[in-house]
C-alpha atoms as a PDB file:
ATOM      1  CA  UNK A   1     -20.994 -26.019  48.646  1.00  0.00           C
ATOM      2  CA  UNK A   2     -24.156 -27.246  46.312  1.00  0.00           C
ATOM      3  CA  UNK A   3     -23.391 -24.076  44.327  1.00  0.00           C
ATOM      4  CA  UNK A   4     -19.662 -24.826  43.409  1.00  0.00           C
ATOM      5  CA  UNK A   5     -20.700 -28.640  42.782  1.00  0.00           C
ATOM      6  CA  UNK A   6     -23.071 -27.004  40.114  1.00  0.00           C
ATOM      7  CA  UNK A   7     -20.173 -24.453  38.736  1.00  0.00           C
ATOM      8  CA  UNK A   8     -17.506 -26.811  38.502  1.00  0.00           C
ATOM      9  CA  UNK A   9     -20.241 -29.755  36.684  1.00  0.00           C
ATOM     10  CA  UNK A  10     -20.326 -26.484  34.494  1.00  0.00           C
ATOM     11  CA  UNK A  11     -17.056 -26.277  33.754  1.00  0.00           C
ATOM     12  CA  UNK A  12     -16.522 -29.920  32.822  1.00  0.00           C
ATOM     13  CA  UNK A  13     -19.355 -29.180  30.666  1.00  0.00           C
ATOM     14  CA  UNK A  14     -17.834 -26.171  28.885  1.00  0.00           C
ATOM     15  CA  UNK A  15     -14.319 -28.196  28.960  1.00  0.00           C
ATOM     16  CA  UNK A  16     -16.084 -30.521  26.505  1.00  0.00           C
ATOM     17  CA  UNK A  17     -18.048 -28.125  24.576  1.00  0.00           C
ATOM     18  CA  UNK A  18     -14.402 -26.691  23.079  1.00  0.00           C
ATOM     19  CA  UNK A  19     -12.632 -29.799  23.492  1.00  0.00           C
ATOM     20  CA  UNK A  20     -10.240 -28.849  25.419  1.00  0.00           C
ATOM     21  CA  UNK A  21     -10.747 -31.767  27.360  1.00  0.00           C
ATOM     22  CA  UNK A  22     -10.060 -33.987  24.773  1.00  0.00           C
ATOM     23  CA  UNK A  23      -6.945 -32.012  24.245  1.00  0.00           C
ATOM     24  CA  UNK A  24      -5.704 -33.093  27.495  1.00  0.00           C
ATOM     25  CA  UNK A  25      -6.189 -36.978  26.687  1.00  0.00           C
ATOM     26  CA  UNK A  26      -4.899 -36.273  23.970  1.00  0.00           C
ATOM     27  CA  UNK A  27      -1.489 -35.092  25.160  1.00  0.00           C
ATOM     28  CA  UNK A  28      -1.865 -37.424  27.397  1.00  0.00           C
ATOM     29  CA  UNK A  29      -1.698 -40.670  25.541  1.00  0.00           C
ATOM     30  CA  UNK A  30       1.277 -38.636  23.694  1.00  0.00           C
ATOM     31  CA  UNK A  31       3.027 -39.017  27.093  1.00  0.00           C
ATOM     32  CA  UNK A  32       2.061 -42.768  27.463  1.00  0.00           C
ATOM     33  CA  UNK A  33       3.528 -43.290  24.183  1.00  0.00           C
ATOM     34  CA  UNK A  34       6.916 -41.611  24.684  1.00  0.00           C
ATOM     35  CA  UNK A  35       6.909 -43.589  27.894  1.00  0.00           C
ATOM     36  CA  UNK A  36       6.209 -46.971  26.058  1.00  0.00           C
ATOM     37  CA  UNK A  37       9.766 -46.366  24.638  1.00  0.00           C
ATOM     38  CA  UNK A  38      11.773 -45.913  27.418  1.00  0.00           C
ATOM     39  CA  UNK A  39      13.111 -47.940  30.366  1.00  0.00           C
ATOM     40  CA  UNK A  40      11.904 -47.110  33.935  1.00  0.00           C
ATOM     41  CA  UNK A  41      15.010 -45.324  34.772  1.00  0.00           C
ATOM     42  CA  UNK A  42      14.669 -43.323  31.663  1.00  0.00           C
ATOM     43  CA  UNK A  43      10.688 -42.362  32.372  1.00  0.00           C
ATOM     44  CA  UNK A  44      11.750 -41.153  35.790  1.00  0.00           C
ATOM     45  CA  UNK A  45      13.969 -39.322  34.348  1.00  0.00           C
ATOM     46  CA  UNK A  46      11.277 -37.743  31.822  1.00  0.00           C
ATOM     47  CA  UNK A  47       8.417 -37.684  34.725  1.00  0.00           C
ATOM     48  CA  UNK A  48       9.192 -34.101  35.950  1.00  0.00           C
ATOM     49  CA  UNK A  49       9.362 -32.999  32.399  1.00  0.00           C
ATOM     50  CA  UNK A  50       5.330 -34.450  31.916  1.00  0.00           C
ATOM     51  CA  UNK A  51       4.265 -33.492  35.397  1.00  0.00           C
ATOM     52  CA  UNK A  52       5.208 -29.449  34.890  1.00  0.00           C
ATOM     53  CA  UNK A  53       3.803 -29.239  31.309  1.00  0.00           C
ATOM     54  CA  UNK A  54       0.705 -30.781  32.467  1.00  0.00           C
ATOM     55  CA  UNK A  55       0.134 -29.015  35.504  1.00  0.00           C
ATOM     56  CA  UNK A  56       1.570 -25.222  34.174  1.00  0.00           C
ATOM     57  CA  UNK A  57       2.012 -24.891  30.977  1.00  0.00           C
ATOM     58  CA  UNK A  58      -0.847 -27.240  29.659  1.00  0.00           C
ATOM     59  CA  UNK A  59      -3.066 -25.607  32.456  1.00  0.00           C
ATOM     60  CA  UNK A  60      -2.456 -21.985  32.146  1.00  0.00           C
ATOM     61  CA  UNK A  61      -3.197 -21.822  28.401  1.00  0.00           C
ATOM     62  CA  UNK A  62      -6.111 -24.368  28.588  1.00  0.00           C
ATOM     63  CA  UNK A  63      -7.761 -21.636  30.800  1.00  0.00           C
ATOM     64  CA  UNK A  64      -6.649 -19.243  28.808  1.00  0.00           C
ATOM     65  CA  UNK A  65      -8.037 -20.688  26.290  1.00  0.00           C
ATOM     66  CA  UNK A  66     -11.607 -21.346  27.719  1.00  0.00           C
ATOM     67  CA  UNK A  67     -12.039 -17.777  29.043  1.00  0.00           C
ATOM     68  CA  UNK A  68     -11.542 -16.520  25.696  1.00  0.00           C
ATOM     69  CA  UNK A  69     -14.357 -18.692  24.934  1.00  0.00           C
ATOM     70  CA  UNK A  70     -16.565 -18.059  27.521  1.00  0.00           C
ATOM     71  CA  UNK A  71     -15.590 -14.170  26.752  1.00  0.00           C
ATOM     72  CA  UNK A  72     -16.136 -14.437  23.014  1.00  0.00           C
ATOM     73  CA  UNK A  73     -20.069 -16.493  24.087  1.00  0.00           C
ATOM     74  CA  UNK A  74     -20.870 -13.606  26.807  1.00  0.00           C
ATOM     75  CA  UNK A  75     -20.671 -15.684  29.453  1.00  0.00           C
ATOM     76  CA  UNK A  76     -18.753 -13.914  32.027  1.00  0.00           C
ATOM     77  CA  UNK A  77     -20.301 -11.058  31.470  1.00  0.00           C
ATOM     78  CA  UNK A  78     -23.487 -12.964  31.922  1.00  0.00           C
ATOM     79  CA  UNK A  79     -22.145 -14.349  35.517  1.00  0.00           C
ATOM     80  CA  UNK A  80     -21.912 -10.843  36.582  1.00  0.00           C
ATOM     81  CA  UNK A  81     -26.091 -10.850  37.060  1.00  0.00           C
ATOM     82  CA  UNK A  82     -26.739 -14.274  38.273  1.00  0.00           C
ATOM     83  CA  UNK A  83     -26.246 -15.134  41.990  1.00  0.00           C
ATOM     84  CA  UNK A  84     -22.860 -16.680  41.713  1.00  0.00           C
ATOM     85  CA  UNK A  85     -19.777 -14.153  42.795  1.00  0.00           C
ATOM     86  CA  UNK A  86     -16.363 -13.541  41.144  1.00  0.00           C
ATOM     87  CA  UNK A  87     -15.058 -15.447  43.991  1.00  0.00           C
ATOM     88  CA  UNK A  88     -16.902 -18.838  43.023  1.00  0.00           C
ATOM     89  CA  UNK A  89     -16.776 -18.323  39.784  1.00  0.00           C
ATOM     90  CA  UNK A  90     -13.283 -18.950  40.127  1.00  0.00           C
ATOM     91  CA  UNK A  91     -13.051 -21.271  42.750  1.00  0.00           C
ATOM     92  CA  UNK A  92     -14.778 -23.134  40.354  1.00  0.00           C
ATOM     93  CA  UNK A  93     -12.175 -23.027  37.664  1.00  0.00           C
ATOM     94  CA  UNK A  94      -9.572 -24.166  39.605  1.00  0.00           C
ATOM     95  CA  UNK A  95     -11.438 -27.121  41.441  1.00  0.00           C
ATOM     96  CA  UNK A  96     -12.917 -28.160  37.818  1.00  0.00           C
ATOM     97  CA  UNK A  97      -9.067 -27.874  36.543  1.00  0.00           C
ATOM     98  CA  UNK A  98      -7.367 -29.649  39.188  1.00  0.00           C
ATOM     99  CA  UNK A  99      -9.634 -32.684  38.065  1.00  0.00           C
ATOM    100  CA  UNK A 100      -8.776 -32.519  35.594  1.00  0.00           C
ATOM    101  CA  UNK A 101      -5.191 -32.132  36.023  1.00  0.00           C
ATOM    102  CA  UNK A 102      -5.815 -35.537  38.315  1.00  0.00           C
ATOM    103  CA  UNK A 103      -7.786 -37.126  35.951  1.00  0.00           C
ATOM    104  CA  UNK A 104      -4.961 -37.215  33.402  1.00  0.00           C
ATOM    105  CA  UNK A 105      -2.216 -38.143  35.972  1.00  0.00           C
ATOM    106  CA  UNK A 106      -4.149 -40.844  36.829  1.00  0.00           C
ATOM    107  CA  UNK A 107      -3.961 -42.194  33.084  1.00  0.00           C
ATOM    108  CA  UNK A 108      -0.891 -41.516  33.026  1.00  0.00           C
ATOM    109  CA  UNK A 109      -0.123 -43.779  35.941  1.00  0.00           C
ATOM    110  CA  UNK A 110      -2.545 -46.228  34.845  1.00  0.00           C
ATOM    111  CA  UNK A 111      -1.096 -46.524  31.500  1.00  0.00           C
ATOM    112  CA  UNK A 112       2.723 -46.650  33.120  1.00  0.00           C
ATOM    113  CA  UNK A 113       1.702 -49.013  36.048  1.00  0.00           C
ATOM    114  CA  UNK A 114       0.102 -51.656  33.253  1.00  0.00           C
ATOM    115  CA  UNK A 115       3.338 -50.801  30.780  1.00  0.00           C
ATOM    116  CA  UNK A 116       6.001 -50.741  33.052  1.00  0.00           C
ATOM    117  CA  UNK A 117       4.848 -51.859  36.627  1.00  0.00           C
ATOM    118  CA  UNK A 118       5.416 -48.435  37.627  1.00  0.00           C
ATOM    119  CA  UNK A 119       3.260 -46.877  40.171  1.00  0.00           C
ATOM    120  CA  UNK A 120       3.617 -42.971  41.622  1.00  0.00           C
ATOM    121  CA  UNK A 121       2.766 -42.049  45.118  1.00  0.00           C
ATOM    122  CA  UNK A 122      -0.172 -41.193  44.534  1.00  0.00           C
ATOM    123  CA  UNK A 123      -0.728 -39.014  47.992  1.00  0.00           C
ATOM    124  CA  UNK A 124       2.411 -36.664  47.046  1.00  0.00           C
ATOM    125  CA  UNK A 125       1.088 -36.306  44.035  1.00  0.00           C
ATOM    126  CA  UNK A 126      -2.297 -34.682  44.807  1.00  0.00           C
ATOM    127  CA  UNK A 127      -1.013 -32.286  47.532  1.00  0.00           C
ATOM    128  CA  UNK A 128       1.470 -30.905  44.503  1.00  0.00           C
ATOM    129  CA  UNK A 129      -0.987 -30.941  41.433  1.00  0.00           C
ATOM    130  CA  UNK A 130      -3.566 -29.035  43.913  1.00  0.00           C
ATOM    131  CA  UNK A 131      -1.300 -26.447  45.032  1.00  0.00           C
ATOM    132  CA  UNK A 132       0.304 -26.184  41.711  1.00  0.00           C
ATOM    133  CA  UNK A 133      -2.937 -25.836  39.313  1.00  0.00           C
ATOM    134  CA  UNK A 134      -4.486 -23.220  41.009  1.00  0.00           C
ATOM    135  CA  UNK A 135      -1.585 -21.092  40.941  1.00  0.00           C
ATOM    136  CA  UNK A 136      -1.279 -21.602  36.872  1.00  0.00           C
ATOM    137  CA  UNK A 137      -5.127 -21.000  36.566  1.00  0.00           C
ATOM    138  CA  UNK A 138      -4.578 -17.712  38.052  1.00  0.00           C
ATOM    139  CA  UNK A 139      -2.021 -17.306  35.456  1.00  0.00           C
ATOM    140  CA  UNK A 140      -4.043 -18.518  32.707  1.00  0.00           C
ATOM    141  CA  UNK A 141      -6.595 -16.197  33.933  1.00  0.00           C
ATOM    142  CA  UNK A 142      -4.072 -13.096  34.514  1.00  0.00           C
ATOM    143  CA  UNK A 143      -3.259 -14.204  30.523  1.00  0.00           C
ATOM    144  CA  UNK A 144      -6.931 -13.624  29.721  1.00  0.00           C
ATOM    145  CA  UNK A 145      -6.545 -10.479  31.132  1.00  0.00           C
ATOM    146  CA  UNK A 146      -3.819  -9.543  29.342  1.00  0.00           C
ATOM    147  CA  UNK A 147      -5.026 -10.358  26.013  1.00  0.00           C
ATOM    148  CA  UNK A 148      -7.439  -8.639  23.343  1.00  0.00           C
ATOM    149  CA  UNK A 149      -7.743 -11.656  20.760  1.00  0.00           C
ATOM    150  CA  UNK A 150      -6.398 -15.638  20.702  1.00  0.00           C
ATOM    151  CA  UNK A 151      -3.636 -14.225  19.146  1.00  0.00           C
ATOM    152  CA  UNK A 152      -2.440 -12.072  22.128  1.00  0.00           C
ATOM    153  CA  UNK A 153      -3.077 -14.629  24.405  1.00  0.00           C
ATOM    154  CA  UNK A 154      -0.521 -16.752  22.570  1.00  0.00           C
ATOM    155  CA  UNK A 155       2.066 -14.426  22.065  1.00  0.00           C
ATOM    156  CA  UNK A 156       1.424 -13.721  26.291  1.00  0.00           C
ATOM    157  CA  UNK A 157       1.168 -17.383  27.075  1.00  0.00           C
ATOM    158  CA  UNK A 158       4.715 -17.609  24.862  1.00  0.00           C
ATOM    159  CA  UNK A 159       6.375 -14.585  26.948  1.00  0.00           C
ATOM    160  CA  UNK A 160       5.062 -16.370  30.042  1.00  0.00           C
ATOM    161  CA  UNK A 161       6.691 -19.881  29.141  1.00  0.00           C
ATOM    162  CA  UNK A 162       9.964 -17.959  27.874  1.00  0.00           C
ATOM    163  CA  UNK A 163      10.351 -16.482  32.108  1.00  0.00           C
ATOM    164  CA  UNK A 164       8.588 -19.023  34.197  1.00  0.00           C
ATOM    165  CA  UNK A 165       9.024 -22.374  32.378  1.00  0.00           C
ATOM    166  CA  UNK A 166      11.267 -22.658  29.361  1.00  0.00           C
ATOM    167  CA  UNK A 167      14.955 -21.689  31.599  1.00  0.00           C
ATOM    168  CA  UNK A 168      14.146 -24.441  33.921  1.00  0.00           C
ATOM    169  CA  UNK A 169      13.244 -26.931  31.048  1.00  0.00           C
ATOM    170  CA  UNK A 170      17.133 -25.895  29.376  1.00  0.00           C
ATOM    171  CA  UNK A 171      18.392 -26.823  33.312  1.00  0.00           C
ATOM    172  CA  UNK A 172      16.735 -29.813  32.894  1.00  0.00           C
ATOM    173  CA  UNK A 173      18.090 -30.901  29.494  1.00  0.00           C
ATOM    174  CA  UNK A 174      21.411 -29.620  30.193  1.00  0.00           C
ATOM    175  CA  UNK A 175      21.465 -27.078  28.402  1.00  0.00           C
ATOM    176  CA  UNK A 176      22.590 -24.359  30.959  1.00  0.00           C
ATOM    177  CA  UNK A 177      24.828 -24.991  33.876  1.00  0.00           C
ATOM    178  CA  UNK A 178      23.468 -27.115  36.750  1.00  0.00           C
ATOM    179  CA  UNK A 179      24.780 -23.765  38.574  1.00  0.00           C
ATOM    180  CA  UNK A 180      21.326 -21.869  36.941  1.00  0.00           C
ATOM    181  CA  UNK A 181      19.455 -24.008  39.195  1.00  0.00           C
ATOM    182  CA  UNK A 182      20.479 -22.201  42.352  1.00  0.00           C
ATOM    183  CA  UNK A 183      19.309 -19.050  40.660  1.00  0.00           C
ATOM    184  CA  UNK A 184      16.004 -19.790  39.560  1.00  0.00           C
ATOM    185  CA  UNK A 185      15.565 -21.582  42.941  1.00  0.00           C
ATOM    186  CA  UNK A 186      12.621 -19.565  44.183  1.00  0.00           C
ATOM    187  CA  UNK A 187      11.398 -19.737  40.403  1.00  0.00           C
ATOM    188  CA  UNK A 188       7.616 -21.051  40.723  1.00  0.00           C
ATOM    189  CA  UNK A 189       8.310 -23.833  38.135  1.00  0.00           C
ATOM    190  CA  UNK A 190      11.546 -24.940  40.547  1.00  0.00           C
ATOM    191  CA  UNK A 191       9.472 -25.125  43.441  1.00  0.00           C
ATOM    192  CA  UNK A 192       6.734 -27.383  41.202  1.00  0.00           C
ATOM    193  CA  UNK A 193       9.512 -29.650  40.354  1.00  0.00           C
ATOM    194  CA  UNK A 194      10.850 -30.020  43.849  1.00  0.00           C
ATOM    195  CA  UNK A 195       7.182 -31.142  44.698  1.00  0.00           C
ATOM    196  CA  UNK A 196       6.422 -33.030  41.688  1.00  0.00           C
ATOM    197  CA  UNK A 197       9.734 -35.132  42.261  1.00  0.00           C
ATOM    198  CA  UNK A 198       8.401 -36.250  45.611  1.00  0.00           C
ATOM    199  CA  UNK A 199       5.766 -38.636  43.666  1.00  0.00           C
ATOM    200  CA  UNK A 200       8.353 -40.710  42.690  1.00  0.00           C
ATOM    201  CA  UNK A 201      11.167 -40.189  44.880  1.00  0.00           C
ATOM    202  CA  UNK A 202      12.789 -42.149  47.252  1.00  0.00           C
ATOM    203  CA  UNK A 203      13.035 -39.990  50.035  1.00  0.00           C
ATOM    204  CA  UNK A 204      11.200 -37.108  50.286  1.00  0.00           C
ATOM    205  CA  UNK A 205      12.489 -33.973  52.391  1.00  0.00           C
ATOM    206  CA  UNK A 206       9.748 -33.027  54.449  1.00  0.00           C
ATOM    207  CA  UNK A 207      10.678 -29.566  55.041  1.00  0.00           C
ATOM    208  CA  UNK A 208      11.671 -28.652  51.512  1.00  0.00           C
ATOM    209  CA  UNK A 209       8.481 -29.790  50.340  1.00  0.00           C
ATOM    210  CA  UNK A 210       6.465 -28.051  53.207  1.00  0.00           C
ATOM    211  CA  UNK A 211       8.292 -24.866  52.482  1.00  0.00           C
ATOM    212  CA  UNK A 212       7.819 -25.007  48.635  1.00  0.00           C
ATOM    213  CA  UNK A 213       3.860 -25.852  49.218  1.00  0.00           C
ATOM    214  CA  UNK A 214       3.930 -22.830  51.665  1.00  0.00           C
ATOM    215  CA  UNK A 215       5.723 -20.886  48.960  1.00  0.00           C
ATOM    216  CA  UNK A 216       3.632 -21.436  45.557  1.00  0.00           C
ATOM    217  CA  UNK A 217       0.293 -20.751  48.011  1.00  0.00           C
ATOM    218  CA  UNK A 218       1.730 -17.447  49.703  1.00  0.00           C
ATOM    219  CA  UNK A 219       2.342 -16.992  45.598  1.00  0.00           C
ATOM    220  CA  UNK A 220      -1.560 -18.191  44.377  1.00  0.00           C
ATOM    221  CA  UNK A 221      -3.219 -15.810  47.297  1.00  0.00           C
ATOM    222  CA  UNK A 222      -1.461 -12.559  46.252  1.00  0.00           C
ATOM    223  CA  UNK A 223      -2.291 -13.234  42.616  1.00  0.00           C
ATOM    224  CA  UNK A 224      -5.460 -13.968  43.523  1.00  0.00           C
ATOM    225  CA  UNK A 225      -6.178 -11.224  46.015  1.00  0.00           C
ATOM    226  CA  UNK A 226      -4.194  -8.249  44.265  1.00  0.00           C
ATOM    227  CA  UNK A 227      -4.402  -8.962  40.451  1.00  0.00           C
ATOM    228  CA  UNK A 228      -7.326 -11.854  39.361  1.00  0.00           C
ATOM    229  CA  UNK A 229     -10.122 -10.309  41.749  1.00  0.00           C
ATOM    230  CA  UNK A 230      -9.924  -6.863  41.207  1.00  0.00           C
ATOM    231  CA  UNK A 231      -9.478  -6.793  37.776  1.00  0.00           C
ATOM    232  CA  UNK A 232     -12.514  -9.350  37.074  1.00  0.00           C
ATOM    233  CA  UNK A 233     -15.321  -6.712  36.529  1.00  0.00           C
ATOM    234  CA  UNK A 234     -13.488  -5.077  34.147  1.00  0.00           C
ATOM    235  CA  UNK A 235     -12.574  -8.011  32.705  1.00  0.00           C
ATOM    236  CA  UNK A 236     -16.074  -9.436  32.112  1.00  0.00           C
ATOM    237  CA  UNK A 237     -17.597  -5.931  30.935  1.00  0.00           C
ATOM    238  CA  UNK A 238     -15.001  -5.013  29.142  1.00  0.00           C
ATOM    239  CA  UNK A 239     -16.379  -4.472  24.896  1.00  0.00           C
ATOM    240  CA  UNK A 240     -19.560  -4.464  25.985  1.00  0.00           C
ATOM    241  CA  UNK A 241     -19.629  -0.547  26.343  1.00  0.00           C
ATOM    242  CA  UNK A 242     -20.388  -0.969  30.117  1.00  0.00           C
END
């Protein structure tokens, strides 16, 4: 436990070093500024988009960027001869990003409380953020595995957005017919939106929330067990001639 705590602290140090935490705060302040000019009802309609982008899209690109810098500085390859394991390294990255997203959401929530007298149901938000962020941290790591340089990372990120995120956004803003939502029902993005909506909905479908939580948990486990963990060592030693 002490090792994980130390590693999480190191993750935050790197987020600050690479200015990625500052980038997250700036984006959060942009959401707050947009929310200031909206009514409470308009902001409620806008919130799913904010939650989706922060917990999924922003998390994936931040992790990908962090991995790129760590790879460039040989931080990842050096950990292979350190006392930590690959699982501890990946777990610390997941925990650090969950805390990062929660900090951003608390900032948005506190701002909206003082500006609009609006509160989230934080217990649902914490549960949703924890599993969704974990899933997209793993997605960000996979994007790093597939990218030889930062340009490739951005291109792979764009492909991920087109496949996982943009279809749901187009349904949300009315570009696609509502019926498309049924086709996308088991998309990770749709499951994310349903869980996030529980944070400000008047009533929560507990059965659907539990099902979505279990679904994203299963996807996260499969991604970790069969993709992220087996390929970590080859990624860490790539370009080192090992």
